[in-house]
Amino acid sequence: MIAALLLIAAGTAGSAQAAANNAGPDAAAGTAPQSTPAAGPVSSDPAAYAAALHSPDWVKTPDGLMYKTCVHTLPAGASMHGDSVVLANGVKQAPFKPCPHPRLVTAAQAAAQSAAAKRAVAKPAFSTNGWLQASWWNAPNYLTGITSTYTVPSPPTTDGATNFFFSSLEPSAGDSIVQPVLTWGNGESDYYLTSWYVTGSNSETGQNVATAPGDTVTASVRASGCASDGTGCTWQIITQDNQSGQQSTLSVTTDESYTSAQGGTFESYGANGCDYFPSNGGINFSDIAVYDNNNAQTSPSFSDFVADQECNMSLNIDATSTTFNWSTS
């Protein structure tokens, strides 16, 4: 099966992700949460989300929960063209089968992906399963890229949560995302970098690259070959540790037009207190550059997305930076 080939070629991956890949797209669907609705791109059903969160059959991704057979790590040099993998030697593999289950997101995240995304979405209870905060811009035309830099924060005082940090682009429907990601947890014992393409059907990742607190990271998403309406772009997603020079790379060709930008996003799963977040109390995405449909740098008007108000969370944003702050006790 193609999944076996992908896993052998991919090398080391986080254990949750590797387990997902090992199952393969042709594996039996397994047991989904009882309340999961019929297959579709995205669902914000709270009962299904709660059940999936505690199920070993679902994987935490930096854009919600996905069924384990629908997350695939590509071998080095491979790229995605629609649902098919093209290996480095040019050989095209059979397409991935459509995922039998929708990607699950929180109600707050679904609200942020609606027309109300320009306004804050408040949820007063302590709940760290999903997007917590982000800077968000809905562009007047399609976008062709976003880049940013940041310093890897200190480890959390208490281990056990999965924390994701990233800049990203999405289409207006919010049913896919291109994102270079910094991760703490999710099967690894330290920080690592991974380039992701998350969709409502299947999700693909580049290989994991080790990084460490204090290292600077350059995150880049750039498109080429787009049609006049922004569809058919080929995206190069690169997450680079500037100290080691190591990169996680992913190349995908997509059908949708990407029109919203997230200058910075903080997402977390499984935190039972503020000490599960990085102990230095913040992260700063700087040198943010967003590129318009002419591949020219534009000036985004980022607004706040706020889904969690515990731990004294706050964010400061302008056109070129997004800074998250939180208390750690």
C-alpha atoms as a PDB file:
ATOM      1  CA  MET A   1       0.000   0.000   0.000  1.00  0.00           C
ATOM      2  CA  ILE A   2       1.085   3.580  -0.539  1.00  0.00           C
ATOM      3  CA  ALA A   3       0.929   4.341   3.186  1.00  0.00           C
ATOM      4  CA  ALA A   4       3.590   1.758   3.903  1.00  0.00           C
ATOM      5  CA  LEU A   5       5.842   3.302   1.262  1.00  0.00           C
ATOM      6  CA  LEU A   6       5.301   6.743   2.721  1.00  0.00           C
ATOM      7  CA  LEU A   7       6.104   5.633   6.238  1.00  0.00           C
ATOM      8  CA  ILE A   8       9.323   3.844   5.217  1.00  0.00           C
ATOM      9  CA  ALA A   9      10.546   6.824   3.217  1.00  0.00           C
ATOM     10  CA  ALA A  10       9.481   9.464   5.691  1.00  0.00           C
ATOM     11  CA  GLY A  11      11.959   8.687   8.444  1.00  0.00           C
ATOM     12  CA  THR A  12      11.358   9.738  12.042  1.00  0.00           C
ATOM     13  CA  ALA A  13       8.034  11.350  12.890  1.00  0.00           C
ATOM     14  CA  GLY A  14       6.172  12.118  16.115  1.00  0.00           C
ATOM     15  CA  SER A  15       4.709   8.947  17.595  1.00  0.00           C
ATOM     16  CA  ALA A  16       1.088  10.045  17.258  1.00  0.00           C
ATOM     17  CA  GLN A  17       1.683  11.052  13.657  1.00  0.00           C
ATOM     18  CA  ALA A  18       3.667   7.898  12.905  1.00  0.00           C
ATOM     19  CA  ALA A  19       0.901   5.762  14.340  1.00  0.00           C
ATOM     20  CA  ALA A  20      -1.557   7.567  12.103  1.00  0.00           C
ATOM     21  CA  ASN A  21       0.576   6.926   9.047  1.00  0.00           C
ATOM     22  CA  ASN A  22       1.130   3.303   9.953  1.00  0.00           C
ATOM     23  CA  ALA A  23      -2.608   2.686   9.762  1.00  0.00           C
ATOM     24  CA  GLY A  24      -2.581   3.912   6.134  1.00  0.00           C
ATOM     25  CA  PRO A  25      -5.376   5.308   3.988  1.00  0.00           C
ATOM     26  CA  ASP A  26      -6.574   1.841   3.020  1.00  0.00           C
ATOM     27  CA  ALA A  27      -6.879   0.588   6.580  1.00  0.00           C
ATOM     28  CA  ALA A  28     -10.247  -0.203   8.091  1.00  0.00           C
ATOM     29  CA  ALA A  29     -11.992   2.897   9.336  1.00  0.00           C
ATOM     30  CA  GLY A  30     -12.077   1.676  12.917  1.00  0.00           C
ATOM     31  CA  THR A  31     -14.455   3.053  15.525  1.00  0.00           C
ATOM     32  CA  ALA A  32     -15.309   6.739  15.305  1.00  0.00           C
ATOM     33  CA  PRO A  33     -16.969   8.713  18.107  1.00  0.00           C
ATOM     34  CA  GLN A  34     -20.624   7.788  18.251  1.00  0.00           C
ATOM     35  CA  SER A  35     -21.765  11.363  17.584  1.00  0.00           C
ATOM     36  CA  THR A  36     -19.542  11.967  14.554  1.00  0.00           C
ATOM     37  CA  PRO A  37     -21.738  13.231  11.687  1.00  0.00           C
ATOM     38  CA  ALA A  38     -21.561  11.971   8.128  1.00  0.00           C
ATOM     39  CA  ALA A  39     -18.264  12.518   6.356  1.00  0.00           C
ATOM     40  CA  GLY A  40     -17.604  16.081   5.243  1.00  0.00           C
ATOM     41  CA  PRO A  41     -14.803  18.635   5.266  1.00  0.00           C
ATOM     42  CA  VAL A  42     -15.219  20.214   8.733  1.00  0.00           C
ATOM     43  CA  SER A  43     -17.515  19.764  11.725  1.00  0.00           C
ATOM     44  CA  SER A  44     -17.863  21.792  14.933  1.00  0.00           C
ATOM     45  CA  ASP A  45     -20.167  19.270  16.653  1.00  0.00           C
ATOM     46  CA  PRO A  46     -19.128  19.598  20.335  1.00  0.00           C
ATOM     47  CA  ALA A  47     -20.106  16.028  21.263  1.00  0.00           C
ATOM     48  CA  ALA A  48     -18.067  14.565  18.409  1.00  0.00           C
ATOM     49  CA  TYR A  49     -15.110  16.812  19.276  1.00  0.00           C
ATOM     50  CA  ALA A  50     -15.193  15.793  22.958  1.00  0.00           C
ATOM     51  CA  ALA A  51     -15.356  12.096  22.080  1.00  0.00           C
ATOM     52  CA  ALA A  52     -12.554  12.315  19.511  1.00  0.00           C
ATOM     53  CA  LEU A  53     -10.319  14.245  21.899  1.00  0.00           C
ATOM     54  CA  HIS A  54     -10.131  11.195  24.179  1.00  0.00           C
ATOM     55  CA  SER A  55      -9.960   8.581  21.416  1.00  0.00           C
ATOM     56  CA  PRO A  56      -6.658   7.023  20.251  1.00  0.00           C
ATOM     57  CA  ASP A  57      -8.128   6.940  16.735  1.00  0.00           C
ATOM     58  CA  TRP A  58      -7.922  10.737  16.350  1.00  0.00           C
ATOM     59  CA  VAL A  59      -4.772  12.837  15.817  1.00  0.00           C
ATOM     60  CA  LYS A  60      -4.147  16.359  17.071  1.00  0.00           C
ATOM     61  CA  THR A  61      -3.191  18.535  14.102  1.00  0.00           C
ATOM     62  CA  PRO A  62      -2.511  22.288  14.064  1.00  0.00           C
ATOM     63  CA  ASP A  63      -5.988  22.817  12.588  1.00  0.00           C
ATOM     64  CA  GLY A  64      -8.221  20.521  14.613  1.00  0.00           C
ATOM     65  CA  LEU A  65      -8.632  16.784  15.131  1.00  0.00           C
ATOM     66  CA  MET A  66      -8.340  14.339  12.219  1.00  0.00           C
ATOM     67  CA  TYR A  67      -8.930  10.625  11.936  1.00  0.00           C
ATOM     68  CA  LYS A  68      -5.629   8.743  12.126  1.00  0.00           C
ATOM     69  CA  THR A  69      -5.771   7.144   8.662  1.00  0.00           C
ATOM     70  CA  CYS A  70      -6.108  10.597   7.084  1.00  0.00           C
ATOM     71  CA  VAL A  71      -2.752  12.069   8.224  1.00  0.00           C
ATOM     72  CA  HIS A  72       0.268  11.230   6.065  1.00  0.00           C
ATOM     73  CA  THR A  73       3.963  12.129   6.258  1.00  0.00           C
ATOM     74  CA  LEU A  74       5.461  12.491   2.784  1.00  0.00           C
ATOM     75  CA  PRO A  75       8.928  11.154   1.930  1.00  0.00           C
ATOM     76  CA  ALA A  76      11.691  13.685   1.386  1.00  0.00           C
ATOM     77  CA  GLY A  77      11.416  15.325  -2.028  1.00  0.00           C
ATOM     78  CA  ALA A  78       7.828  14.196  -2.627  1.00  0.00           C
ATOM     79  CA  SER A  79       4.990  16.624  -3.360  1.00  0.00           C
ATOM     80  CA  MET A  80       1.210  16.593  -3.433  1.00  0.00           C
ATOM     81  CA  HIS A  81      -0.767  17.213  -6.622  1.00  0.00           C
ATOM     82  CA  GLY A  82      -4.407  17.147  -5.614  1.00  0.00           C
ATOM     83  CA  ASP A  83      -4.795  13.878  -3.689  1.00  0.00           C
ATOM     84  CA  SER A  84      -1.849  12.134  -5.358  1.00  0.00           C
ATOM     85  CA  VAL A  85       1.758  11.896  -4.157  1.00  0.00           C
ATOM     86  CA  VAL A  86       4.506  12.524  -6.712  1.00  0.00           C
ATOM     87  CA  LEU A  87       7.783  11.023  -5.491  1.00  0.00           C
ATOM     88  CA  ALA A  88      11.144  12.740  -5.935  1.00  0.00           C
ATOM     89  CA  ASN A  89      11.879  10.530  -8.956  1.00  0.00           C
ATOM     90  CA  GLY A  90       8.691  11.754 -10.688  1.00  0.00           C
ATOM     91  CA  VAL A  91       6.651   8.602 -10.102  1.00  0.00           C
ATOM     92  CA  LYS A  92       3.029   9.401  -9.341  1.00  0.00           C
ATOM     93  CA  GLN A  93       1.354   7.225  -6.715  1.00  0.00           C
ATOM     94  CA  ALA A  94      -2.321   6.269  -6.507  1.00  0.00           C
ATOM     95  CA  PRO A  95      -4.498   8.996  -4.952  1.00  0.00           C
ATOM     96  CA  PHE A  96      -5.318   8.931  -1.271  1.00  0.00           C
ATOM     97  CA  LYS A  97      -8.874   7.853  -0.601  1.00  0.00           C
ATOM     98  CA  PRO A  98     -11.197  10.576   0.748  1.00  0.00           C
ATOM     99  CA  CYS A  99     -11.211  10.661   4.525  1.00  0.00           C
ATOM    100  CA  PRO A 100     -14.343   8.936   5.875  1.00  0.00           C
ATOM    101  CA  HIS A 101     -14.646  11.425   8.739  1.00  0.00           C
ATOM    102  CA  PRO A 102     -14.758  15.239   8.905  1.00  0.00           C
ATOM    103  CA  ARG A 103     -12.017  17.289  10.509  1.00  0.00           C
ATOM    104  CA  LEU A 104     -13.267  18.372  13.945  1.00  0.00           C
ATOM    105  CA  VAL A 105     -12.811  21.921  15.279  1.00  0.00           C
ATOM    106  CA  THR A 106     -14.141  23.831  18.270  1.00  0.00           C
ATOM    107  CA  ALA A 107     -17.188  26.076  17.925  1.00  0.00           C
ATOM    108  CA  ALA A 108     -14.975  29.112  18.567  1.00  0.00           C
ATOM    109  CA  GLN A 109     -12.626  28.160  15.757  1.00  0.00           C
ATOM    110  CA  ALA A 110     -15.556  27.565  13.396  1.00  0.00           C
ATOM    111  CA  ALA A 111     -16.924  31.004  14.308  1.00  0.00           C
ATOM    112  CA  ALA A 112     -13.565  32.587  13.570  1.00  0.00           C
ATOM    113  CA  GLN A 113     -13.645  31.090  10.088  1.00  0.00           C
ATOM    114  CA  SER A 114     -16.987  32.732   9.355  1.00  0.00           C
ATOM    115  CA  ALA A 115     -17.669  36.298   8.299  1.00  0.00           C
ATOM    116  CA  ALA A 116     -17.378  37.269  11.969  1.00  0.00           C
ATOM    117  CA  ALA A 117     -13.658  36.473  11.968  1.00  0.00           C
ATOM    118  CA  LYS A 118     -12.793  40.162  12.163  1.00  0.00           C
ATOM    119  CA  ARG A 119     -14.338  40.353  15.632  1.00  0.00           C
ATOM    120  CA  ALA A 120     -13.115  38.782  18.866  1.00  0.00           C
ATOM    121  CA  VAL A 121     -14.757  35.498  19.834  1.00  0.00           C
ATOM    122  CA  ALA A 122     -14.905  35.218  23.610  1.00  0.00           C
ATOM    123  CA  LYS A 123     -15.189  31.991  25.619  1.00  0.00           C
ATOM    124  CA  PRO A 124     -14.694  32.649  29.346  1.00  0.00           C
ATOM    125  CA  ALA A 125     -14.132  29.106  30.631  1.00  0.00           C
ATOM    126  CA  PHE A 126     -10.644  27.597  30.813  1.00  0.00           C
ATOM    127  CA  SER A 127     -10.559  25.328  27.785  1.00  0.00           C
ATOM    128  CA  THR A 128      -7.361  24.671  25.907  1.00  0.00           C
ATOM    129  CA  ASN A 129      -8.421  22.169  23.280  1.00  0.00           C
ATOM    130  CA  GLY A 130      -8.084  24.032  20.016  1.00  0.00           C
ATOM    131  CA  TRP A 131      -7.083  27.505  18.837  1.00  0.00           C
ATOM    132  CA  LEU A 132      -6.606  29.843  21.795  1.00  0.00           C
ATOM    133  CA  GLN A 133      -5.557  33.076  20.109  1.00  0.00           C
ATOM    134  CA  ALA A 134      -4.584  34.335  16.673  1.00  0.00           C
ATOM    135  CA  SER A 135      -4.179  37.446  14.556  1.00  0.00           C
ATOM    136  CA  TRP A 136      -6.465  37.241  11.533  1.00  0.00           C
ATOM    137  CA  TRP A 137      -6.964  39.107   8.254  1.00  0.00           C
ATOM    138  CA  ASN A 138      -9.515  38.503   5.496  1.00  0.00           C
ATOM    139  CA  ALA A 139      -7.921  39.890   2.331  1.00  0.00           C
ATOM    140  CA  PRO A 140      -9.875  41.547  -0.517  1.00  0.00           C
ATOM    141  CA  ASN A 141      -8.242  39.209  -3.048  1.00  0.00           C
ATOM    142  CA  TYR A 142      -6.392  35.936  -3.011  1.00  0.00           C
ATOM    143  CA  LEU A 143      -3.002  35.679  -1.313  1.00  0.00           C
ATOM    144  CA  THR A 144       0.223  34.075  -2.483  1.00  0.00           C
ATOM    145  CA  GLY A 145       2.281  33.871   0.675  1.00  0.00           C
ATOM    146  CA  ILE A 146       3.109  34.630   4.285  1.00  0.00           C
ATOM    147  CA  THR A 147       6.471  34.603   6.072  1.00  0.00           C
ATOM    148  CA  SER A 148       7.483  35.254   9.675  1.00  0.00           C
ATOM    149  CA  THR A 149      10.291  34.723  12.162  1.00  0.00           C
ATOM    150  CA  TYR A 150      10.241  33.870  15.873  1.00  0.00           C
ATOM    151  CA  THR A 151      12.383  32.519  18.689  1.00  0.00           C
ATOM    152  CA  VAL A 152      11.546  29.088  20.110  1.00  0.00           C
ATOM    153  CA  PRO A 153      10.223  29.698  23.659  1.00  0.00           C
ATOM    154  CA  SER A 154      11.221  27.939  26.862  1.00  0.00           C
ATOM    155  CA  PRO A 155       9.736  24.503  27.578  1.00  0.00           C
ATOM    156  CA  PRO A 156       6.624  24.311  29.774  1.00  0.00           C
ATOM    157  CA  THR A 157       7.214  23.745  33.468  1.00  0.00           C
ATOM    158  CA  THR A 158       4.760  20.851  33.348  1.00  0.00           C
ATOM    159  CA  ASP A 159       4.787  18.432  30.412  1.00  0.00           C
ATOM    160  CA  GLY A 160       1.720  16.700  29.019  1.00  0.00           C
ATOM    161  CA  ALA A 161       0.087  19.230  26.664  1.00  0.00           C
ATOM    162  CA  THR A 162       0.481  19.565  22.916  1.00  0.00           C
ATOM    163  CA  ASN A 163       1.200  23.184  21.934  1.00  0.00           C
ATOM    164  CA  PHE A 164       1.271  24.430  18.323  1.00  0.00           C
ATOM    165  CA  PHE A 165       2.533  27.835  17.105  1.00  0.00           C
ATOM    166  CA  PHE A 166       2.340  28.981  13.470  1.00  0.00           C
ATOM    167  CA  SER A 167       1.624  31.562  10.776  1.00  0.00           C
ATOM    168  CA  SER A 168      -0.733  30.352   8.034  1.00  0.00           C
ATOM    169  CA  LEU A 169      -3.097  30.942   5.117  1.00  0.00           C
ATOM    170  CA  GLU A 170      -6.642  29.623   4.624  1.00  0.00           C
ATOM    171  CA  PRO A 171      -9.381  29.815   1.970  1.00  0.00           C
ATOM    172  CA  SER A 172     -12.566  31.695   2.868  1.00  0.00           C
ATOM    173  CA  ALA A 173     -14.397  28.461   3.701  1.00  0.00           C
ATOM    174  CA  GLY A 174     -11.757  27.571   6.313  1.00  0.00           C
ATOM    175  CA  ASP A 175     -11.672  23.972   5.085  1.00  0.00           C
ATOM    176  CA  SER A 176      -7.905  23.767   4.499  1.00  0.00           C
ATOM    177  CA  ILE A 177      -4.733  25.459   5.689  1.00  0.00           C
ATOM    178  CA  VAL A 178      -1.052  25.756   4.667  1.00  0.00           C
ATOM    179  CA  GLN A 179       1.182  26.216   7.699  1.00  0.00           C
ATOM    180  CA  PRO A 180       4.790  25.932   8.924  1.00  0.00           C
ATOM    181  CA  VAL A 181       4.434  24.771  12.534  1.00  0.00           C
ATOM    182  CA  LEU A 182       6.392  24.702  15.801  1.00  0.00           C
ATOM    183  CA  THR A 183       5.205  21.886  18.095  1.00  0.00           C
ATOM    184  CA  TRP A 184       5.772  20.976  21.721  1.00  0.00           C
ATOM    185  CA  GLY A 185       4.602  17.449  22.645  1.00  0.00           C
ATOM    186  CA  ASN A 186       2.345  15.305  20.449  1.00  0.00           C
ATOM    187  CA  GLY A 187       4.556  12.275  20.992  1.00  0.00           C
ATOM    188  CA  GLU A 188       7.948  14.045  21.148  1.00  0.00           C
ATOM    189  CA  SER A 189       9.929  15.133  24.225  1.00  0.00           C
ATOM    190  CA  ASP A 190      11.081  18.505  22.881  1.00  0.00           C
ATOM    191  CA  TYR A 191      10.241  21.153  20.305  1.00  0.00           C
ATOM    192  CA  TYR A 192      10.205  20.269  16.619  1.00  0.00           C
ATOM    193  CA  LEU A 193       9.288  21.927  13.311  1.00  0.00           C
ATOM    194  CA  THR A 194       6.909  20.463  10.729  1.00  0.00           C
ATOM    195  CA  SER A 195       5.374  21.850   7.544  1.00  0.00           C
ATOM    196  CA  TRP A 196       1.670  20.966   7.272  1.00  0.00           C
ATOM    197  CA  TYR A 197      -1.124  20.994   4.699  1.00  0.00           C
ATOM    198  CA  VAL A 198      -4.389  20.226   6.517  1.00  0.00           C
ATOM    199  CA  THR A 199      -7.594  19.671   4.551  1.00  0.00           C
ATOM    200  CA  GLY A 200     -11.049  18.342   5.224  1.00  0.00           C
ATOM    201  CA  SER A 201     -10.156  15.171   3.326  1.00  0.00           C
ATOM    202  CA  ASN A 202      -6.531  14.198   4.000  1.00  0.00           C
ATOM    203  CA  SER A 203      -3.604  15.971   5.631  1.00  0.00           C
ATOM    204  CA  GLU A 204       0.041  15.850   4.636  1.00  0.00           C
ATOM    205  CA  THR A 205       3.196  16.820   6.495  1.00  0.00           C
ATOM    206  CA  GLY A 206       6.875  17.235   5.798  1.00  0.00           C
ATOM    207  CA  GLN A 207       9.382  15.503   8.027  1.00  0.00           C
ATOM    208  CA  ASN A 208       9.929  16.625  11.613  1.00  0.00           C
ATOM    209  CA  VAL A 209      13.033  18.746  12.291  1.00  0.00           C
ATOM    210  CA  ALA A 210      14.430  19.125  15.800  1.00  0.00           C
ATOM    211  CA  THR A 211      14.733  22.614  17.254  1.00  0.00           C
ATOM    212  CA  ALA A 212      15.515  23.999  20.696  1.00  0.00           C
ATOM    213  CA  PRO A 213      14.593  26.906  22.980  1.00  0.00           C
ATOM    214  CA  GLY A 214      16.416  30.060  21.895  1.00  0.00           C
ATOM    215  CA  ASP A 215      16.757  28.995  18.249  1.00  0.00           C
ATOM    216  CA  THR A 216      15.309  31.372  15.672  1.00  0.00           C
ATOM    217  CA  VAL A 217      12.893  29.996  13.090  1.00  0.00           C
ATOM    218  CA  THR A 218      11.954  31.294   9.656  1.00  0.00           C
ATOM    219  CA  ALA A 219       8.491  30.176   8.539  1.00  0.00           C
ATOM    220  CA  SER A 220       7.533  30.554   4.899  1.00  0.00           C
ATOM    221  CA  VAL A 221       4.524  29.768   2.699  1.00  0.00           C
ATOM    222  CA  ARG A 222       4.831  30.908  -0.947  1.00  0.00           C
ATOM    223  CA  ALA A 223       2.754  30.110  -4.023  1.00  0.00           C
ATOM    224  CA  SER A 224       3.566  29.872  -7.719  1.00  0.00           C
ATOM    225  CA  GLY A 225       1.653  28.995 -10.866  1.00  0.00           C
ATOM    226  CA  CYS A 226      -1.691  30.307  -9.640  1.00  0.00           C
ATOM    227  CA  ALA A 227      -4.598  30.787 -12.048  1.00  0.00           C
ATOM    228  CA  SER A 228      -6.126  34.263 -12.349  1.00  0.00           C
ATOM    229  CA  ASP A 229      -8.686  33.404  -9.647  1.00  0.00           C
ATOM    230  CA  GLY A 230      -6.064  32.109  -7.210  1.00  0.00           C
ATOM    231  CA  THR A 231      -6.786  28.416  -7.729  1.00  0.00           C
ATOM    232  CA  GLY A 232      -4.277  25.786  -8.829  1.00  0.00           C
ATOM    233  CA  CYS A 233      -1.377  27.263  -6.831  1.00  0.00           C
ATOM    234  CA  THR A 234       1.682  25.193  -6.000  1.00  0.00           C
ATOM    235  CA  TRP A 235       2.698  25.985  -2.417  1.00  0.00           C
ATOM    236  CA  GLN A 236       6.176  25.629  -0.971  1.00  0.00           C
ATOM    237  CA  ILE A 237       5.892  25.354   2.819  1.00  0.00           C
ATOM    238  CA  ILE A 238       9.248  25.677   4.597  1.00  0.00           C
ATOM    239  CA  THR A 239       9.936  25.684   8.351  1.00  0.00           C
ATOM    240  CA  GLN A 240      13.631  26.319   9.022  1.00  0.00           C
ATOM    241  CA  ASP A 241      15.754  26.280  12.153  1.00  0.00           C
ATOM    242  CA  ASN A 242      18.238  29.086  11.482  1.00  0.00           C
ATOM    243  CA  GLN A 243      20.868  27.703  13.871  1.00  0.00           C
ATOM    244  CA  SER A 244      21.105  24.226  12.330  1.00  0.00           C
ATOM    245  CA  GLY A 245      19.912  25.187   8.848  1.00  0.00           C
ATOM    246  CA  GLN A 246      17.607  22.145   8.878  1.00  0.00           C
ATOM    247  CA  GLN A 247      14.235  22.475   7.153  1.00  0.00           C
ATOM    248  CA  SER A 248      10.907  20.713   7.115  1.00  0.00           C
ATOM    249  CA  THR A 249       9.570  21.183   3.583  1.00  0.00           C
ATOM    250  CA  LEU A 250       6.316  20.341   1.856  1.00  0.00           C
ATOM    251  CA  SER A 251       5.111  21.049  -1.683  1.00  0.00           C
ATOM    252  CA  VAL A 252       1.377  20.872  -2.465  1.00  0.00           C
ATOM    253  CA  THR A 253      -0.812  21.925  -5.377  1.00  0.00           C
ATOM    254  CA  THR A 254      -4.295  23.000  -4.301  1.00  0.00           C
ATOM    255  CA  ASP A 255      -7.647  23.733  -5.935  1.00  0.00           C
ATOM    256  CA  GLU A 256      -8.832  26.531  -3.635  1.00  0.00           C
ATOM    257  CA  SER A 257      -8.075  30.248  -3.501  1.00  0.00           C
ATOM    258  CA  TYR A 258      -6.497  31.307  -0.202  1.00  0.00           C
ATOM    259  CA  THR A 259      -7.855  34.626   1.072  1.00  0.00           C
ATOM    260  CA  SER A 260      -7.240  34.801   4.835  1.00  0.00           C
ATOM    261  CA  ALA A 261      -3.955  35.148   6.720  1.00  0.00           C
ATOM    262  CA  GLN A 262      -3.078  34.320  10.319  1.00  0.00           C
ATOM    263  CA  GLY A 263      -0.009  36.301  11.372  1.00  0.00           C
ATOM    264  CA  GLY A 264       0.402  34.095  14.414  1.00  0.00           C
ATOM    265  CA  THR A 265      -1.660  31.381  16.091  1.00  0.00           C
ATOM    266  CA  PHE A 266      -1.367  29.663  19.480  1.00  0.00           C
ATOM    267  CA  GLU A 267      -3.159  26.304  19.715  1.00  0.00           C
ATOM    268  CA  SER A 268      -3.104  23.813  22.580  1.00  0.00           C
ATOM    269  CA  TYR A 269      -4.534  20.445  23.612  1.00  0.00           C
ATOM    270  CA  GLY A 270      -4.541  18.760  26.998  1.00  0.00           C
ATOM    271  CA  ALA A 271      -3.326  21.625  29.196  1.00  0.00           C
ATOM    272  CA  ASN A 272      -4.683  21.442  32.744  1.00  0.00           C
ATOM    273  CA  GLY A 273      -3.200  24.757  33.865  1.00  0.00           C
ATOM    274  CA  CYS A 274      -1.053  27.685  32.840  1.00  0.00           C
ATOM    275  CA  ASP A 275       2.156  25.771  33.671  1.00  0.00           C
ATOM    276  CA  TYR A 276       1.503  23.585  30.591  1.00  0.00           C
ATOM    277  CA  PHE A 277       2.379  26.566  28.359  1.00  0.00           C
ATOM    278  CA  PRO A 278       5.985  27.674  27.619  1.00  0.00           C
ATOM    279  CA  SER A 279       7.512  28.903  30.864  1.00  0.00           C
ATOM    280  CA  ASN A 280       8.879  32.197  29.515  1.00  0.00           C
ATOM    281  CA  GLY A 281       5.273  33.395  29.112  1.00  0.00           C
ATOM    282  CA  GLY A 282       5.169  34.383  25.474  1.00  0.00           C
ATOM    283  CA  ILE A 283       6.190  34.168  21.835  1.00  0.00           C
ATOM    284  CA  ASN A 284       6.645  36.905  19.232  1.00  0.00           C
ATOM    285  CA  PHE A 285       6.039  36.445  15.507  1.00  0.00           C
ATOM    286  CA  SER A 286       8.022  39.230  13.856  1.00  0.00           C
ATOM    287  CA  ASP A 287       8.917  40.327  10.327  1.00  0.00           C
ATOM    288  CA  ILE A 288       5.506  39.106   9.161  1.00  0.00           C
ATOM    289  CA  ALA A 289       5.146  39.617   5.415  1.00  0.00           C
ATOM    290  CA  VAL A 290       1.920  38.849   3.540  1.00  0.00           C
ATOM    291  CA  TYR A 291       1.898  38.666  -0.269  1.00  0.00           C
ATOM    292  CA  ASP A 292      -1.062  39.595  -2.457  1.00  0.00           C
ATOM    293  CA  ASN A 293      -2.327  38.207  -5.759  1.00  0.00           C
ATOM    294  CA  ASN A 294       0.460  40.051  -7.602  1.00  0.00           C
ATOM    295  CA  ASN A 295       3.133  38.417  -5.390  1.00  0.00           C
ATOM    296  CA  ALA A 296       3.769  41.848  -3.868  1.00  0.00           C
ATOM    297  CA  GLN A 297       4.055  42.437  -0.142  1.00  0.00           C
ATOM    298  CA  THR A 298       0.864  43.995   1.185  1.00  0.00           C
ATOM    299  CA  SER A 299      -0.134  45.593   4.497  1.00  0.00           C
ATOM    300  CA  PRO A 300      -2.625  43.373   6.357  1.00  0.00           C
ATOM    301  CA  SER A 301      -5.090  44.756   8.911  1.00  0.00           C
ATOM    302  CA  PHE A 302      -4.907  41.943  11.447  1.00  0.00           C
ATOM    303  CA  SER A 303      -7.632  41.635  14.069  1.00  0.00           C
ATOM    304  CA  ASP A 304      -7.868  39.556  17.244  1.00  0.00           C
ATOM    305  CA  PHE A 305      -9.194  36.027  17.508  1.00  0.00           C
ATOM    306  CA  VAL A 306      -9.633  35.237  21.218  1.00  0.00           C
ATOM    307  CA  ALA A 307     -11.019  31.876  22.334  1.00  0.00           C
ATOM    308  CA  ASP A 308      -9.533  31.645  25.836  1.00  0.00           C
ATOM    309  CA  GLN A 309      -9.192  34.367  28.452  1.00  0.00           C
ATOM    310  CA  GLU A 310      -7.507  32.391  31.210  1.00  0.00           C
ATOM    311  CA  CYS A 311      -3.808  32.622  32.199  1.00  0.00           C
ATOM    312  CA  ASN A 312      -3.968  36.405  31.606  1.00  0.00           C
ATOM    313  CA  MET A 313      -3.638  35.750  27.883  1.00  0.00           C
ATOM    314  CA  SER A 314      -3.135  38.804  25.719  1.00  0.00           C
ATOM    315  CA  LEU A 315      -1.845  39.599  22.261  1.00  0.00           C
ATOM    316  CA  ASN A 316      -0.386  42.678  20.628  1.00  0.00           C
ATOM    317  CA  ILE A 317      -0.673  42.947  16.858  1.00  0.00           C
ATOM    318  CA  ASP A 318       0.248  45.225  13.994  1.00  0.00           C
ATOM    319  CA  ALA A 319       0.875  44.678  10.290  1.00  0.00           C
ATOM    320  CA  THR A 320       4.247  42.986  10.827  1.00  0.00           C
ATOM    321  CA  SER A 321       4.120  41.362  14.283  1.00  0.00           C
ATOM    322  CA  THR A 322       1.943  39.269  16.570  1.00  0.00           C
ATOM    323  CA  THR A 323       3.003  38.859  20.198  1.00  0.00           C
ATOM    324  CA  PHE A 324       1.308  36.400  22.570  1.00  0.00           C
ATOM    325  CA  ASN A 325       1.674  36.694  26.344  1.00  0.00           C
ATOM    326  CA  TRP A 326       0.343  34.506  29.163  1.00  0.00           C
ATOM    327  CA  SER A 327       0.961  33.828  32.840  1.00  0.00           C
ATOM    328  CA  THR A 328       2.516  30.482  33.746  1.00  0.00           C
ATOM    329  CA  SER A 329       1.102  29.957  37.225  1.00  0.00           C
END
